[in-house]
């Protein structure tokens, strides 16, 4: 019985130490982070966390992780191309690494917890994630059509 109790105490202490180390590491990352929240697709070069978006402006946000698969890259490429070629400067496309500390405000604002493609205008938000990941590589024309129909409705 003493061995079991001793083992449990040791495991508890190791667990607490691990949690503490993780918190310290996260605080170090928050303090020393120097990377930009927006990829080079952001046209105005502003910091995303302090970005002011007009309530009448339509935005396409693609939240992604640091490590990305071919489908993740395809979702960004198809969306970026569709927005730029169809709408020019009328609609903005922003690619955001959701794992970077400086993007925390936007991630919380839109309740992001995974790779996500959303179209936003004011308080209205349309989530195209499922459609995007189903079609970006196998049927990009279908994704383009969905993006266009969603943005067109928001522009009206």
Protein backbone atom coordinates (compact mmCIF):
# COMPACT_ATOMS: atom_id res chain seq x y z
CA UNK A 1 0.00 0.00 0.00
CA UNK A 2 2.87 2.35 0.81
CA UNK A 3 4.39 1.70 -2.64
CA UNK A 4 1.13 2.62 -4.37
CA UNK A 5 0.78 5.80 -2.30
CA UNK A 6 4.40 6.74 -2.98
CA UNK A 7 3.97 6.10 -6.70
CA UNK A 8 0.82 8.23 -6.82
CA UNK A 9 2.54 11.08 -4.99
CA UNK A 10 5.49 10.97 -7.39
CA UNK A 11 3.15 10.94 -10.40
CA UNK A 12 1.21 13.86 -8.95
CA UNK A 13 4.39 15.91 -8.42
CA UNK A 14 5.64 15.10 -11.94
CA UNK A 15 2.26 16.12 -13.37
CA UNK A 16 2.27 19.45 -11.52
CA UNK A 17 5.83 20.13 -12.65
CA UNK A 18 4.89 19.38 -16.25
CA UNK A 19 1.92 21.74 -16.16
CA UNK A 20 4.04 24.47 -14.61
CA UNK A 21 6.72 24.03 -17.27
CA UNK A 22 4.13 24.27 -20.02
CA UNK A 23 2.75 27.51 -18.57
CA UNK A 24 6.26 28.95 -18.29
CA UNK A 25 7.00 27.99 -21.90
CA UNK A 26 3.76 29.62 -23.11
CA UNK A 27 4.59 32.82 -21.20
CA UNK A 28 8.08 32.85 -22.77
CA UNK A 29 6.52 32.49 -26.21
CA UNK A 30 4.06 35.30 -25.52
CA UNK A 31 6.83 37.58 -24.27
CA UNK A 32 9.29 36.92 -27.07
CA UNK A 33 7.03 36.46 -30.07
CA UNK A 34 8.09 38.61 -33.01
CA UNK A 35 6.29 37.03 -35.93
CA UNK A 36 3.54 38.74 -37.85
CA UNK A 37 -0.01 37.51 -37.53
CA UNK A 38 -0.77 38.05 -41.16
CA UNK A 39 0.84 36.22 -43.98
CA UNK A 40 2.06 38.15 -46.99
CA UNK A 41 -1.47 37.97 -48.38
CA UNK A 42 -2.54 40.88 -46.20
CA UNK A 43 -2.35 43.92 -48.42
CA UNK A 44 -2.18 46.78 -45.93
CA UNK A 45 0.51 45.33 -43.65
CA UNK A 46 -1.40 46.11 -40.44
CA UNK A 47 -1.17 44.01 -37.30
CA UNK A 48 -4.21 41.71 -37.31
CA UNK A 49 -4.77 41.93 -33.56
CA UNK A 50 -5.31 45.69 -33.76
CA UNK A 51 -6.99 45.69 -37.13
CA UNK A 52 -10.16 47.78 -37.32
CA UNK A 53 -12.63 46.38 -39.79
CA UNK A 54 -15.50 48.51 -40.99
CA UNK A 55 -18.90 46.93 -40.37
CA UNK A 56 -19.61 47.22 -44.09
CA UNK A 57 -16.35 45.58 -45.17
CA UNK A 58 -16.36 41.96 -46.29
CA UNK A 59 -13.38 39.95 -45.06
CA UNK A 60 -12.25 36.42 -45.83
CA UNK A 61 -10.22 34.96 -42.97
CA UNK A 62 -8.32 31.71 -43.22
CA UNK A 63 -7.07 30.53 -39.83
CA UNK A 64 -4.41 27.85 -40.07
CA UNK A 65 -1.84 26.07 -37.93
CA UNK A 66 1.92 26.46 -38.16
CA UNK A 67 2.30 22.99 -39.69
CA UNK A 68 0.12 22.64 -42.76
CA UNK A 69 -0.86 19.82 -45.08
CA UNK A 70 -1.46 19.99 -48.83
CA UNK A 71 -5.20 20.50 -48.31
CA UNK A 72 -4.60 23.39 -45.89
CA UNK A 73 -2.37 25.07 -48.46
CA UNK A 74 -4.91 24.42 -51.22
CA UNK A 75 -7.73 26.02 -49.20
CA UNK A 76 -5.64 29.17 -48.82
CA UNK A 77 -4.54 29.23 -52.47
CA UNK A 78 -8.04 28.74 -53.92
CA UNK A 79 -9.60 31.28 -51.56
CA UNK A 80 -6.89 33.89 -52.08
CA UNK A 81 -7.04 33.53 -55.86
CA UNK A 82 -10.84 33.62 -55.99
CA UNK A 83 -11.11 36.71 -53.79
CA UNK A 84 -8.36 38.61 -55.61
CA UNK A 85 -9.49 37.77 -59.15
CA UNK A 86 -13.20 38.24 -58.52
CA UNK A 87 -13.34 41.17 -56.10
CA UNK A 88 -9.98 42.95 -56.28
CA UNK A 89 -9.84 45.47 -53.43
CA UNK A 90 -13.56 45.20 -52.56
CA UNK A 91 -12.97 42.15 -50.36
CA UNK A 92 -9.91 41.50 -48.20
CA UNK A 93 -8.31 38.09 -47.69
CA UNK A 94 -6.24 37.47 -44.57
CA UNK A 95 -4.33 34.30 -43.72
CA UNK A 96 -3.74 33.99 -39.99
CA UNK A 97 -1.64 31.51 -38.04
CA UNK A 98 -3.99 30.69 -35.16
CA UNK A 99 -1.13 29.30 -33.06
CA UNK A 100 0.77 32.58 -32.82
CA UNK A 101 0.25 34.60 -29.65
CA UNK A 102 -0.38 37.92 -31.38
CA UNK A 103 -3.40 36.42 -33.14
CA UNK A 104 -5.07 35.39 -29.90
CA UNK A 105 -7.63 38.25 -29.99
CA UNK A 106 -8.95 37.31 -33.44
CA UNK A 107 -8.93 33.60 -32.59
CA UNK A 108 -11.02 34.31 -29.49
CA UNK A 109 -13.26 36.81 -31.28
CA UNK A 110 -14.27 34.28 -33.91
CA UNK A 111 -14.08 31.26 -31.55
CA UNK A 112 -11.49 29.47 -33.70
CA UNK A 113 -10.15 26.11 -32.52
CA UNK A 114 -8.95 24.50 -35.77
CA UNK A 115 -8.22 25.38 -39.39
CA UNK A 116 -11.14 27.58 -40.40
CA UNK A 117 -12.29 29.55 -43.44
CA UNK A 118 -14.85 32.23 -42.67
CA UNK A 119 -16.36 35.13 -44.58
CA UNK A 120 -17.28 38.05 -42.31
CA UNK A 121 -19.22 41.29 -42.68
CA UNK A 122 -19.92 43.15 -39.46
CA UNK A 123 -21.58 40.73 -37.06
CA UNK A 124 -22.43 38.22 -39.80
CA UNK A 125 -20.08 35.26 -40.17
CA UNK A 126 -20.35 32.38 -42.65
CA UNK A 127 -18.19 29.32 -42.02
CA UNK A 128 -17.02 27.66 -45.25
CA UNK A 129 -14.54 25.28 -43.61
CA UNK A 130 -16.25 21.99 -44.44
CA UNK A 131 -16.87 22.98 -48.03
CA UNK A 132 -13.31 24.25 -48.35
CA UNK A 133 -11.64 21.10 -47.06
CA UNK A 134 -13.91 18.83 -49.09
CA UNK A 135 -13.25 20.64 -52.37
CA UNK A 136 -10.01 22.64 -52.36
CA UNK A 137 -7.92 19.87 -53.89
CA UNK A 138 -10.45 17.60 -55.60
CA UNK A 139 -12.94 20.15 -56.93
CA UNK A 140 -11.61 23.72 -56.55
CA UNK A 141 -14.25 25.08 -58.94
CA UNK A 142 -16.95 24.05 -56.47
CA UNK A 143 -15.16 25.88 -53.66
CA UNK A 144 -14.73 28.97 -55.85
CA UNK A 145 -18.45 28.95 -56.62
CA UNK A 146 -19.32 28.67 -52.92
CA UNK A 147 -16.96 31.51 -51.98
CA UNK A 148 -18.41 33.74 -54.72
CA UNK A 149 -22.03 33.05 -53.79
CA UNK A 150 -21.31 33.71 -50.10
CA UNK A 151 -19.41 36.96 -50.74
CA UNK A 152 -21.98 38.15 -53.30
CA UNK A 153 -24.76 37.79 -50.71
CA UNK A 154 -22.74 39.81 -48.23
CA UNK A 155 -21.96 42.56 -50.74
CA UNK A 156 -25.64 43.11 -51.52
